Amino acid sequence: MHPFLRIVNAAALATLCLAAADVRSTTIEISFVATPQGGAAGGAVTAGDLKLTDNGKDQPVTGLWKVTPGKRASLLPPHTFSNRTGTEVAQNVNVVFVDGVNTEWRNDAAARAETMRALQQIKPDERVAILVFGKSLRVLSDFTDTAAAREAKVKEFGAGSPSAFPTYSDMVLPVNLTGRAEMYEEQQRLTSTYTTLQSIAAMLKAVPGRKNLLWISGDFPLLLGQPDAGAFRTRSQNGALGRRDAAADDDVQRTAKMGYNKAADDLIRVLNVAGVAVYPVDAREVSLDPHRRQSHVNSITSTGAGEAGTINDIMKHLAEQTGGAVSSGHKELRDDLRGALDDAQNAYVLAFTPTKLAEDGAPHKLKLQAKGYQIRLRPVYYAPLPPAPPGDATARLASALSAPLDIPEIGLTVRIEPDRAAESSLAVSLEIDARDLQLVRQGEDWVGVIGVGIIEGNPAGEQFGRQLQSGGVTIHAPDYQKAMQTGGGIQFDFKVKRDPKATFIRFGMIDQKSPKSGSLSVPL
């Protein structure tokens, strides 16, 4: 990549005075589902129909949008791509999370075939991305794929083609061990699951509208209840209770369970802050062990169902706490998935502006009612926190660049075409939405510091030509007001050498003066 950033002294930039900003109240957006009671058809809900309370205090609804389930036609010119739709706030986003870490479907052709049939229930016009969770998190199909492209990828994935996609045999499920070894295996599984779900929530946080996470899994490793000092036992290989280390193992198990309780609570909080509604889809019926009805998290729970509850209890808890739903009782997995997707038919997004909302991250209890409708929404939202330090620029840029889904926190628009002067090169025009950056005034100009990364890759996980740069950006005074009104305002033109094995190019970007980041993947 040719240098395209004008390097400035970041330390000197930090000493500049921030421009005066308007003091504004925080607007909270909440998605919810309103189903007509008694099976009536019902009309569209209006703001006047709603009664909203925040910690018991009435709040006027200042905005209400009906979610549009389908895709929207792109208004961008040819060869131009963006990480934002440019449409109204009430878009519907579905992420199907195929969980191969917590599901026993390796070497099970029938299970693979049933999962593929379920994925084929996605309608051509639905805005859906499919992620596969195994040794790593990979995109099987992105939001921008056509129906034909998505169907082809699903079929190739189901066939287990190692040349293009991770196969089921790549996915990991811990073996059944005993005692501390088993706890370590389960700790790895839970940690990997929680970290992955948090990363998906982070990618979806800046996406407006209704965000649904359809989690297809044979196990949902969240713990319910509190540790019980008398409930822990360790078993040897032959099933007998261990004696020598029983007391020590009890302490280890109790401590582990306390940590897992907190980790599960933290995960639900992250999902709520990002506005992600979870729809657990039970895949146990396509597992190698269809009779198992308890969570695999067995070495840190009491014997039997106990206070840990069944998987059904955990699914219900996860859905209720995030505003999603459990679609179950069908004969086949495909019907469960279809039920979760259809839930958006009655979805809305509302906005309200609480008075004197402290930046303390505290939970606020929500209650919403509408006469003639059954309302479902997450029970709490969290107050914002004070701005956090940006963190290490290199790590943040690498994270934005590796994100499997586009991150729209910083708006990016890219025009990319073959370079007329060289067959192996691409001519790139990158435009950044200046409204998303922290800019400071320097004389008559406005300046900031950003980091930009570019990488080429393919679905097999190969990467080529990774390049990272950081430097300053400047908007001259005559252009600043226009940039604040219409977006854009910062543009770079450069050339990139195309690798013949690459099928996409990904752009990642961070604002070095704030925690914001953005990313965009463009097919080649």
Foldseek 3Di string as FASTA:
>chain_A
DPDFFAFDDVVVQVPFDFDDDDDDFDKDKFKWFWAFPPPDPDDADDQVQKWKDWQRHTFRFPDKFAADFFADDAPDDPLKDKQARPDDQAYEEEEEEEELAFFAQPPPLQLLVQVLVLVLLDDQGGQYWYWYDAPHIATLGHSPDGNVSSNVSSVCQSVCDLVAAHHSVRHHYDDDDWFPVNVVRVVVSLVSVLVVLLLVLQQQLPRGHAAEYEYEHQADPAFDDAADLPQAFTAHPVGHTDDPCGNVSSVVLNVVNVVRNVSNVVSLQSNQSSLYAYEYQHSLCSHPCVPDFAHPNPNNGGPDCHRRHTRVVVNQVSRQQRQAYYQDPDPGSSNRSVVRSCSSNRMMMTMTGDPPQDQPQDWIAMDMDGPSIDMTTHGTHTHHHPFDQQPDQVVLQVSQQPRNHWRPLKMKMKRWDQDPVDRQKIKIKIWTQCLSARWRDDPQKTKFKKKKWKWFAGSSPDIDDIDIDIRMDIAGNVQVVVSNVPTTRGMTIDMDGHDPVGQKMKMKMDGNRGNDITMDIGGD
